[in-house]
Amino acid sequence: MLVLPEAITQANAVACLGALSNALAQESTADVVVDAARLSRFDSAALALLLEVRRKVLKMGKTFVVKDAPQRLQDLADLYGIAELLPSAA
């Protein structure tokens, strides 16, 4: 499981992506779950980061889901019309 930090903004998105990419390389499961429960401060960079992680996961032939996304993040994804690209874990 990949765990998002408390904050993802323009200021730290590149560093976060690097850390998540390293963690993704260690994932041995076919279903990659991104845990967003800790995420409380974010801007649109969080969506860009999630889309990039999704792209990497799908390129590996794995499935991608987001677990415990804050409502504000879901609302932002809806606003940008990309909510269906960030499926929620059941």
PDB file of N, CA and C in Angstrom:
ATOM      1  N   MET A   1       0.843  -1.166   0.000  1.00  0.00           N
ATOM      2  CA  MET A   1       0.000   0.000   0.000  1.00  0.00           C
ATOM      3  C   MET A   1       0.897   1.241   0.000  1.00  0.00           C
ATOM      4  N   LEU A   2       0.526   2.193  -0.835  1.00  0.00           N
ATOM      5  CA  LEU A   2       1.216   3.472  -0.869  1.00  0.00           C
ATOM      6  C   LEU A   2       0.458   4.439   0.029  1.00  0.00           C
ATOM      7  N   VAL A   3       1.180   5.194   0.835  1.00  0.00           N
ATOM      8  CA  VAL A   3       0.544   6.101   1.789  1.00  0.00           C
ATOM      9  C   VAL A   3       0.916   7.535   1.426  1.00  0.00           C
ATOM     10  N   LEU A   4      -0.110   8.354   1.230  1.00  0.00           N
ATOM     11  CA  LEU A   4       0.124   9.759   0.932  1.00  0.00           C
ATOM     12  C   LEU A   4       0.474  10.509   2.208  1.00  0.00           C
ATOM     13  N   PRO A   5       1.293  11.554   2.085  1.00  0.00           N
ATOM     14  CA  PRO A   5       1.630  12.360   3.261  1.00  0.00           C
ATOM     15  C   PRO A   5       0.458  13.257   3.661  1.00  0.00           C
ATOM     16  N   GLU A   6       0.649  14.016   4.708  1.00  0.00           N
ATOM     17  CA  GLU A   6      -0.383  14.928   5.201  1.00  0.00           C
ATOM     18  C   GLU A   6      -0.638  16.076   4.228  1.00  0.00           C
ATOM     19  N   ALA A   7       0.414  16.495   3.510  1.00  0.00           N
ATOM     20  CA  ALA A   7       0.281  17.636   2.604  1.00  0.00           C
ATOM     21  C   ALA A   7       0.900  17.328   1.242  1.00  0.00           C
ATOM     22  N   ILE A   8       0.169  17.687   0.191  1.00  0.00           N
ATOM     23  CA  ILE A   8       0.699  17.638  -1.169  1.00  0.00           C
ATOM     24  C   ILE A   8       0.302  18.943  -1.845  1.00  0.00           C
ATOM     25  N   THR A   9       1.310  19.758  -2.128  1.00  0.00           N
ATOM     26  CA  THR A   9       1.090  21.033  -2.800  1.00  0.00           C
ATOM     27  C   THR A   9       2.124  21.182  -3.907  1.00  0.00           C
ATOM     28  N   GLN A  10       2.025  22.265  -4.650  1.00  0.00           N
ATOM     29  CA  GLN A  10       3.006  22.542  -5.702  1.00  0.00           C
ATOM     30  C   GLN A  10       4.424  22.503  -5.134  1.00  0.00           C
ATOM     31  N   ALA A  11       4.583  22.934  -3.899  1.00  0.00           N
ATOM     32  CA  ALA A  11       5.902  23.039  -3.282  1.00  0.00           C
ATOM     33  C   ALA A  11       6.581  21.688  -3.044  1.00  0.00           C
ATOM     34  N   ASN A  12       5.806  20.631  -2.802  1.00  0.00           N
ATOM     35  CA  ASN A  12       6.426  19.343  -2.476  1.00  0.00           C
ATOM     36  C   ASN A  12       5.986  18.193  -3.382  1.00  0.00           C
ATOM     37  N   ALA A  13       5.239  18.472  -4.417  1.00  0.00           N
ATOM     38  CA  ALA A  13       4.694  17.397  -5.257  1.00  0.00           C
ATOM     39  C   ALA A  13       5.775  16.553  -5.922  1.00  0.00           C
ATOM     40  N   VAL A  14       6.836  17.180  -6.395  1.00  0.00           N
ATOM     41  CA  VAL A  14       7.897  16.424  -7.073  1.00  0.00           C
ATOM     42  C   VAL A  14       8.576  15.464  -6.097  1.00  0.00           C
ATOM     43  N   ALA A  15       8.853  15.945  -4.889  1.00  0.00           N
ATOM     44  CA  ALA A  15       9.469  15.085  -3.876  1.00  0.00           C
ATOM     45  C   ALA A  15       8.532  13.943  -3.489  1.00  0.00           C
ATOM     46  N   CYS A  16       7.247  14.246  -3.346  1.00  0.00           N
ATOM     47  CA  CYS A  16       6.259  13.209  -3.021  1.00  0.00           C
ATOM     48  C   CYS A  16       6.189  12.158  -4.121  1.00  0.00           C
ATOM     49  N   LEU A  17       6.208  12.615  -5.368  1.00  0.00           N
ATOM     50  CA  LEU A  17       6.156  11.671  -6.483  1.00  0.00           C
ATOM     51  C   LEU A  17       7.379  10.765  -6.474  1.00  0.00           C
ATOM     52  N   GLY A  18       8.536  11.314  -6.181  1.00  0.00           N
ATOM     53  CA  GLY A  18       9.744  10.492  -6.094  1.00  0.00           C
ATOM     54  C   GLY A  18       9.628   9.428  -5.025  1.00  0.00           C
ATOM     55  N   ALA A  19       9.141   9.811  -3.858  1.00  0.00           N
ATOM     56  CA  ALA A  19       8.975   8.854  -2.756  1.00  0.00           C
ATOM     57  C   ALA A  19       7.952   7.782  -3.108  1.00  0.00           C
ATOM     58  N   LEU A  20       6.838   8.188  -3.713  1.00  0.00           N
ATOM     59  CA  LEU A  20       5.808   7.213  -4.087  1.00  0.00           C
ATOM     60  C   LEU A  20       6.295   6.299  -5.208  1.00  0.00           C
ATOM     61  N   SER A  21       7.067   6.820  -6.131  1.00  0.00           N
ATOM     62  CA  SER A  21       7.615   5.990  -7.212  1.00  0.00           C
ATOM     63  C   SER A  21       8.550   4.929  -6.652  1.00  0.00           C
ATOM     64  N   ASN A  22       9.371   5.312  -5.677  1.00  0.00           N
ATOM     65  CA  ASN A  22      10.258   4.348  -5.024  1.00  0.00           C
ATOM     66  C   ASN A  22       9.453   3.274  -4.303  1.00  0.00           C
ATOM     67  N   ALA A  23       8.409   3.691  -3.597  1.00  0.00           N
ATOM     68  CA  ALA A  23       7.558   2.730  -2.887  1.00  0.00           C
ATOM     69  C   ALA A  23       6.827   1.829  -3.878  1.00  0.00           C
ATOM     70  N   LEU A  24       6.412   2.393  -4.992  1.00  0.00           N
ATOM     71  CA  LEU A  24       5.705   1.611  -6.010  1.00  0.00           C
ATOM     72  C   LEU A  24       6.604   0.511  -6.576  1.00  0.00           C
ATOM     73  N   ALA A  25       7.868   0.803  -6.734  1.00  0.00           N
ATOM     74  CA  ALA A  25       8.812  -0.191  -7.250  1.00  0.00           C
ATOM     75  C   ALA A  25       8.918  -1.400  -6.316  1.00  0.00           C
ATOM     76  N   GLN A  26       8.578  -1.199  -5.053  1.00  0.00           N
ATOM     77  CA  GLN A  26       8.634  -2.285  -4.063  1.00  0.00           C
ATOM     78  C   GLN A  26       7.323  -3.057  -3.935  1.00  0.00           C
ATOM     79  N   GLU A  27       6.256  -2.547  -4.554  1.00  0.00           N
ATOM     80  CA  GLU A  27       4.936  -3.188  -4.460  1.00  0.00           C
ATOM     81  C   GLU A  27       4.939  -4.515  -5.211  1.00  0.00           C
ATOM     82  N   SER A  28       4.570  -5.568  -4.515  1.00  0.00           N
ATOM     83  CA  SER A  28       4.549  -6.886  -5.146  1.00  0.00           C
ATOM     84  C   SER A  28       3.131  -7.364  -5.455  1.00  0.00           C
ATOM     85  N   THR A  29       2.135  -6.614  -5.014  1.00  0.00           N
ATOM     86  CA  THR A  29       0.758  -7.028  -5.248  1.00  0.00           C
ATOM     87  C   THR A  29       0.258  -6.523  -6.600  1.00  0.00           C
ATOM     88  N   ALA A  30      -0.758  -7.175  -7.118  1.00  0.00           N
ATOM     89  CA  ALA A  30      -1.347  -6.776  -8.401  1.00  0.00           C
ATOM     90  C   ALA A  30      -2.298  -5.600  -8.245  1.00  0.00           C
ATOM     91  N   ASP A  31      -2.779  -5.383  -7.035  1.00  0.00           N
ATOM     92  CA  ASP A  31      -3.696  -4.284  -6.752  1.00  0.00           C
ATOM     93  C   ASP A  31      -2.960  -3.243  -5.919  1.00  0.00           C
ATOM     94  N   VAL A  32      -2.719  -2.091  -6.500  1.00  0.00           N
ATOM     95  CA  VAL A  32      -2.020  -1.027  -5.779  1.00  0.00           C
ATOM     96  C   VAL A  32      -3.060  -0.100  -5.160  1.00  0.00           C
ATOM     97  N   VAL A  33      -2.998   0.007  -3.844  1.00  0.00           N
ATOM     98  CA  VAL A  33      -3.909   0.855  -3.091  1.00  0.00           C
ATOM     99  C   VAL A  33      -3.126   2.061  -2.596  1.00  0.00           C
ATOM    100  N   VAL A  34      -3.670   3.244  -2.869  1.00  0.00           N
ATOM    101  CA  VAL A  34      -3.077   4.487  -2.375  1.00  0.00           C
ATOM    102  C   VAL A  34      -3.936   4.959  -1.214  1.00  0.00           C
ATOM    103  N   ASP A  35      -3.355   4.976  -0.032  1.00  0.00           N
ATOM    104  CA  ASP A  35      -4.067   5.380   1.177  1.00  0.00           C
ATOM    105  C   ASP A  35      -3.956   6.898   1.329  1.00  0.00           C
ATOM    106  N   ALA A  36      -5.082   7.583   1.226  1.00  0.00           N
ATOM    107  CA  ALA A  36      -5.104   9.048   1.311  1.00  0.00           C
ATOM    108  C   ALA A  36      -5.670   9.538   2.634  1.00  0.00           C
ATOM    109  N   ALA A  37      -5.775   8.685   3.626  1.00  0.00           N
ATOM    110  CA  ALA A  37      -6.416   9.046   4.898  1.00  0.00           C
ATOM    111  C   ALA A  37      -5.713  10.197   5.612  1.00  0.00           C
ATOM    112  N   ARG A  38      -4.397  10.278   5.518  1.00  0.00           N
ATOM    113  CA  ARG A  38      -3.643  11.330   6.218  1.00  0.00           C
ATOM    114  C   ARG A  38      -3.685  12.668   5.484  1.00  0.00           C
ATOM    115  N   LEU A  39      -4.046  12.657   4.214  1.00  0.00           N
ATOM    116  CA  LEU A  39      -3.999  13.864   3.394  1.00  0.00           C
ATOM    117  C   LEU A  39      -5.008  14.906   3.894  1.00  0.00           C
ATOM    118  N   SER A  40      -4.494  16.043   4.342  1.00  0.00           N
ATOM    119  CA  SER A  40      -5.393  17.084   4.850  1.00  0.00           C
ATOM    120  C   SER A  40      -5.138  18.447   4.208  1.00  0.00           C
ATOM    121  N   ARG A  41      -3.936  18.678   3.703  1.00  0.00           N
ATOM    122  CA  ARG A  41      -3.610  19.930   3.014  1.00  0.00           C
ATOM    123  C   ARG A  41      -3.141  19.593   1.607  1.00  0.00           C
ATOM    124  N   PHE A  42      -3.832  20.144   0.623  1.00  0.00           N
ATOM    125  CA  PHE A  42      -3.477  19.821  -0.760  1.00  0.00           C
ATOM    126  C   PHE A  42      -4.034  20.860  -1.702  1.00  0.00           C
ATOM    127  N   ASP A  43      -3.495  20.853  -2.903  1.00  0.00           N
ATOM    128  CA  ASP A  43      -4.031  21.674  -3.986  1.00  0.00           C
ATOM    129  C   ASP A  43      -4.119  20.770  -5.217  1.00  0.00           C
ATOM    130  N   SER A  44      -4.287  21.352  -6.366  1.00  0.00           N
ATOM    131  CA  SER A  44      -4.462  20.543  -7.577  1.00  0.00           C
ATOM    132  C   SER A  44      -3.239  19.683  -7.890  1.00  0.00           C
ATOM    133  N   ALA A  45      -2.099  19.991  -7.295  1.00  0.00           N
ATOM    134  CA  ALA A  45      -0.907  19.161  -7.487  1.00  0.00           C
ATOM    135  C   ALA A  45      -1.139  17.739  -6.974  1.00  0.00           C
ATOM    136  N   ALA A  46      -1.992  17.586  -5.970  1.00  0.00           N
ATOM    137  CA  ALA A  46      -2.303  16.248  -5.457  1.00  0.00           C
ATOM    138  C   ALA A  46      -2.985  15.404  -6.531  1.00  0.00           C
ATOM    139  N   LEU A  47      -3.868  16.030  -7.292  1.00  0.00           N
ATOM    140  CA  LEU A  47      -4.531  15.299  -8.378  1.00  0.00           C
ATOM    141  C   LEU A  47      -3.532  14.923  -9.461  1.00  0.00           C
ATOM    142  N   ALA A  48      -2.653  15.853  -9.818  1.00  0.00           N
ATOM    143  CA  ALA A  48      -1.634  15.553 -10.826  1.00  0.00           C
ATOM    144  C   ALA A  48      -0.747  14.407 -10.363  1.00  0.00           C
ATOM    145  N   LEU A  49      -0.389  14.414  -9.091  1.00  0.00           N
ATOM    146  CA  LEU A  49       0.434  13.344  -8.542  1.00  0.00           C
ATOM    147  C   LEU A  49      -0.296  12.001  -8.617  1.00  0.00           C
ATOM    148  N   LEU A  50      -1.549  11.985  -8.209  1.00  0.00           N
ATOM    149  CA  LEU A  50      -2.316  10.739  -8.258  1.00  0.00           C
ATOM    150  C   LEU A  50      -2.472  10.221  -9.686  1.00  0.00           C
ATOM    151  N   LEU A  51      -2.674  11.126 -10.627  1.00  0.00           N
ATOM    152  CA  LEU A  51      -2.791  10.694 -12.024  1.00  0.00           C
ATOM    153  C   LEU A  51      -1.474  10.110 -12.537  1.00  0.00           C
ATOM    154  N   GLU A  52      -0.353  10.681 -12.118  1.00  0.00           N
ATOM    155  CA  GLU A  52       0.950  10.153 -12.534  1.00  0.00           C
ATOM    156  C   GLU A  52       1.211   8.788 -11.904  1.00  0.00           C
ATOM    157  N   VAL A  53       0.868   8.642 -10.626  1.00  0.00           N
ATOM    158  CA  VAL A  53       1.014   7.327  -9.978  1.00  0.00           C
ATOM    159  C   VAL A  53       0.112   6.317 -10.676  1.00  0.00           C
ATOM    160  N   ARG A  54      -1.107   6.712 -11.001  1.00  0.00           N
ATOM    161  CA  ARG A  54      -2.031   5.828 -11.715  1.00  0.00           C
ATOM    162  C   ARG A  54      -1.433   5.381 -13.052  1.00  0.00           C
ATOM    163  N   ARG A  55      -0.852   6.333 -13.781  1.00  0.00           N
ATOM    164  CA  ARG A  55      -0.241   6.009 -15.068  1.00  0.00           C
ATOM    165  C   ARG A  55       0.864   4.969 -14.892  1.00  0.00           C
ATOM    166  N   LYS A  56       1.704   5.142 -13.880  1.00  0.00           N
ATOM    167  CA  LYS A  56       2.794   4.195 -13.619  1.00  0.00           C
ATOM    168  C   LYS A  56       2.250   2.816 -13.243  1.00  0.00           C
ATOM    169  N   VAL A  57       1.215   2.811 -12.397  1.00  0.00           N
ATOM    170  CA  VAL A  57       0.620   1.550 -11.955  1.00  0.00           C
ATOM    171  C   VAL A  57       0.031   0.791 -13.144  1.00  0.00           C
ATOM    172  N   LEU A  58      -0.742   1.477 -13.974  1.00  0.00           N
ATOM    173  CA  LEU A  58      -1.358   0.819 -15.126  1.00  0.00           C
ATOM    174  C   LEU A  58      -0.310   0.345 -16.117  1.00  0.00           C
ATOM    175  N   LYS A  59       0.771   1.092 -16.269  1.00  0.00           N
ATOM    176  CA  LYS A  59       1.861   0.681 -17.161  1.00  0.00           C
ATOM    177  C   LYS A  59       2.495  -0.618 -16.674  1.00  0.00           C
ATOM    178  N   MET A  60       2.464  -0.839 -15.367  1.00  0.00           N
ATOM    179  CA  MET A  60       2.997  -2.078 -14.782  1.00  0.00           C
ATOM    180  C   MET A  60       2.006  -3.238 -14.914  1.00  0.00           C
ATOM    181  N   GLY A  61       0.803  -2.961 -15.433  1.00  0.00           N
ATOM    182  CA  GLY A  61      -0.210  -4.001 -15.578  1.00  0.00           C
ATOM    183  C   GLY A  61      -0.962  -4.298 -14.297  1.00  0.00           C
ATOM    184  N   LYS A  62      -0.954  -3.347 -13.379  1.00  0.00           N
ATOM    185  CA  LYS A  62      -1.628  -3.532 -12.103  1.00  0.00           C
ATOM    186  C   LYS A  62      -2.872  -2.656 -12.042  1.00  0.00           C
ATOM    187  N   THR A  63      -3.697  -2.884 -11.029  1.00  0.00           N
ATOM    188  CA  THR A  63      -4.882  -2.051 -10.831  1.00  0.00           C
ATOM    189  C   THR A  63      -4.568  -0.968  -9.803  1.00  0.00           C
ATOM    190  N   PHE A  64      -5.334   0.104  -9.845  1.00  0.00           N
ATOM    191  CA  PHE A  64      -5.090   1.283  -9.037  1.00  0.00           C
ATOM    192  C   PHE A  64      -6.377   1.723  -8.362  1.00  0.00           C
ATOM    193  N   VAL A  65      -6.337   1.906  -7.046  1.00  0.00           N
ATOM    194  CA  VAL A  65      -7.475   2.458  -6.312  1.00  0.00           C
ATOM    195  C   VAL A  65      -6.963   3.397  -5.228  1.00  0.00           C
ATOM    196  N   VAL A  66      -7.818   4.344  -4.853  1.00  0.00           N
ATOM    197  CA  VAL A  66      -7.508   5.296  -3.791  1.00  0.00           C
ATOM    198  C   VAL A  66      -8.414   4.982  -2.602  1.00  0.00           C
ATOM    199  N   LYS A  67      -7.804   4.850  -1.452  1.00  0.00           N
ATOM    200  CA  LYS A  67      -8.536   4.508  -0.235  1.00  0.00           C
ATOM    201  C   LYS A  67      -8.613   5.730   0.678  1.00  0.00           C
ATOM    202  N   ASP A  68      -9.788   5.965   1.240  1.00  0.00           N
ATOM    203  CA  ASP A  68     -10.002   7.014   2.247  1.00  0.00           C
ATOM    204  C   ASP A  68      -9.621   8.412   1.765  1.00  0.00           C
ATOM    205  N   ALA A  69      -9.977   8.726   0.538  1.00  0.00           N
ATOM    206  CA  ALA A  69      -9.710  10.076   0.023  1.00  0.00           C
ATOM    207  C   ALA A  69     -10.602  11.078   0.743  1.00  0.00           C
ATOM    208  N   PRO A  70     -10.042  12.220   1.156  1.00  0.00           N
ATOM    209  CA  PRO A  70     -10.869  13.249   1.786  1.00  0.00           C
ATOM    210  C   PRO A  70     -11.955  13.738   0.819  1.00  0.00           C
ATOM    211  N   GLN A  71     -13.069  14.134   1.363  1.00  0.00           N
ATOM    212  CA  GLN A  71     -14.174  14.607   0.528  1.00  0.00           C
ATOM    213  C   GLN A  71     -13.753  15.775  -0.361  1.00  0.00           C
ATOM    214  N   ARG A  72     -12.949  16.681   0.176  1.00  0.00           N
ATOM    215  CA  ARG A  72     -12.484  17.823  -0.626  1.00  0.00           C
ATOM    216  C   ARG A  72     -11.683  17.374  -1.844  1.00  0.00           C
ATOM    217  N   LEU A  73     -10.895  16.310  -1.699  1.00  0.00           N
ATOM    218  CA  LEU A  73     -10.130  15.786  -2.839  1.00  0.00           C
ATOM    219  C   LEU A  73     -11.079  15.186  -3.869  1.00  0.00           C
ATOM    220  N   GLN A  74     -12.084  14.463  -3.405  1.00  0.00           N
ATOM    221  CA  GLN A  74     -13.077  13.894  -4.312  1.00  0.00           C
ATOM    222  C   GLN A  74     -13.840  14.994  -5.039  1.00  0.00           C
ATOM    223  N   ASP A  75     -14.174  16.050  -4.321  1.00  0.00           N
ATOM    224  CA  ASP A  75     -14.876  17.180  -4.931  1.00  0.00           C
ATOM    225  C   ASP A  75     -14.010  17.862  -5.984  1.00  0.00           C
ATOM    226  N   LEU A  76     -12.725  18.007  -5.709  1.00  0.00           N
ATOM    227  CA  LEU A  76     -11.806  18.621  -6.665  1.00  0.00           C
ATOM    228  C   LEU A  76     -11.672  17.754  -7.914  1.00  0.00           C
ATOM    229  N   ALA A  77     -11.602  16.440  -7.725  1.00  0.00           N
ATOM    230  CA  ALA A  77     -11.540  15.520  -8.869  1.00  0.00           C
ATOM    231  C   ALA A  77     -12.814  15.610  -9.704  1.00  0.00           C
ATOM    232  N   ASP A  78     -13.955  15.732  -9.042  1.00  0.00           N
ATOM    233  CA  ASP A  78     -15.229  15.916  -9.759  1.00  0.00           C
ATOM    234  C   ASP A  78     -15.214  17.216 -10.561  1.00  0.00           C
ATOM    235  N   LEU A  79     -14.738  18.283  -9.930  1.00  0.00           N
ATOM    236  CA  LEU A  79     -14.680  19.585 -10.581  1.00  0.00           C
ATOM    237  C   LEU A  79     -13.841  19.542 -11.856  1.00  0.00           C
ATOM    238  N   TYR A  80     -12.721  18.825 -11.806  1.00  0.00           N
ATOM    239  CA  TYR A  80     -11.836  18.708 -12.962  1.00  0.00           C
ATOM    240  C   TYR A  80     -12.278  17.618 -13.942  1.00  0.00           C
ATOM    241  N   GLY A  81     -13.315  16.863 -13.585  1.00  0.00           N
ATOM    242  CA  GLY A  81     -13.828  15.830 -14.470  1.00  0.00           C
ATOM    243  C   GLY A  81     -12.962  14.590 -14.560  1.00  0.00           C
ATOM    244  N   ILE A  82     -12.221  14.297 -13.491  1.00  0.00           N
ATOM    245  CA  ILE A  82     -11.324  13.140 -13.523  1.00  0.00           C
ATOM    246  C   ILE A  82     -11.630  12.117 -12.429  1.00  0.00           C
ATOM    247  N   ALA A  83     -12.762  12.270 -11.762  1.00  0.00           N
ATOM    248  CA  ALA A  83     -13.099  11.385 -10.644  1.00  0.00           C
ATOM    249  C   ALA A  83     -13.065   9.906 -11.047  1.00  0.00           C
ATOM    250  N   GLU A  84     -13.512   9.612 -12.269  1.00  0.00           N
ATOM    251  CA  GLU A  84     -13.540   8.206 -12.703  1.00  0.00           C
ATOM    252  C   GLU A  84     -12.148   7.627 -12.895  1.00  0.00           C
ATOM    253  N   LEU A  85     -11.137   8.482 -12.994  1.00  0.00           N
ATOM    254  CA  LEU A  85      -9.759   8.003 -13.126  1.00  0.00           C
ATOM    255  C   LEU A  85      -9.123   7.674 -11.788  1.00  0.00           C
ATOM    256  N   LEU A  86      -9.802   8.056 -10.711  1.00  0.00           N
ATOM    257  CA  LEU A  86      -9.294   7.834  -9.367  1.00  0.00           C
ATOM    258  C   LEU A  86     -10.302   7.004  -8.567  1.00  0.00           C
ATOM    259  N   PRO A  87     -10.455   5.731  -8.938  1.00  0.00           N
ATOM    260  CA  PRO A  87     -11.486   4.909  -8.285  1.00  0.00           C
ATOM    261  C   PRO A  87     -11.215   4.712  -6.792  1.00  0.00           C
ATOM    262  N   SER A  88     -12.285   4.675  -6.032  1.00  0.00           N
ATOM    263  CA  SER A  88     -12.194   4.483  -4.601  1.00  0.00           C
ATOM    264  C   SER A  88     -12.177   3.008  -4.253  1.00  0.00           C
ATOM    265  N   ALA A  89     -11.396   2.674  -3.236  1.00  0.00           N
ATOM    266  CA  ALA A  89     -11.382   1.307  -2.715  1.00  0.00           C
ATOM    267  C   ALA A  89     -12.668   1.088  -1.941  1.00  0.00           C
ATOM    268  N   ALA A  90     -13.239  -0.105  -2.074  1.00  0.00           N
ATOM    269  CA  ALA A  90     -14.499  -0.421  -1.381  1.00  0.00           C
ATOM    270  C   ALA A  90     -14.258  -0.667   0.092  1.00  0.00           C
TER     271      ALA A  90
END
